[in-house]
Amino acid sequence: MSEMKKTADQGARLITDVGPVAVFILTYFLGRRFVGDDAIFWATGLFIVAMLAALFYARTQQKRWPPMLLASAVIVTIMGGLGIFLNDPVFIYVKPTIVNLFLSYLVLIGFAFGVNIWKFFFKEIFDLPDRAWTILAIRWALFFQFLALLNEVLWRHIGDGDVPEGARWFADFTITEGLWVNFKLVVMGLSLVFALANLPLVLKHQRPDDTGDSD
């Protein structure tokens, strides 16, 4: 793959990863001033729209449907739509858990069928030996489970009255819905740090580009 196409793909992924989250957070905190507790539903509605827009944008840039983004968009639309329709934010709170567990087990179950899903997702960007793909896949699968656990700890302790008391794990631990929303920025930061931590492995095993692009 040419460097120009790699750069375009990476730029598209940055937009599709950051854009919808930014829309969600900004809509939520602006909405708190005008619609109060209903801000979570407005933010989720626009988040769904932003996710679908990001999906179609990625399709035009990469000439294919990005599998991870497609799966995330489907889950976001279903869980977010249920939360809005039923007027129950718990569906919205649990959505990141489902997305992360789905991605994690998709990768792990793929190994049972002899398929490296991570390689399938990113082979257009990186040219790595199978051993490196396997290491990356396992690392990211475990990282997704870590993110799912973090979300479970947080949403179960949102003290706004919508989370059932029986869902709590720790009696004396309570957070606000706003903190849960802001934590999406922390997740983005953790994901970036984790990606950078895996960069030496990628650079070590990346095969030279032999496409020989000419000016």
Foldseek 3Di string as FASTA:
>chain_A
DDPVLLVLLVVLVVCLLPVLLVQLLVQLVVVCVPPNPCSNLVSLVVSLVSLVVSQVSSCVSVVHRQVLSVLLSVLSCVLSVVCNVVVACVSVLLSLLVSLQVLLVVQVVCVVVVHRVQCVRCVVNFDFDPVLSVVVSNVSSVVSNVRSVVSLQQVCAAPPPRRDPVSHDDPPDHDHPSVSSVCVVVVVVVVVVVVVVSVVSRVVGTDDDPPPDDD
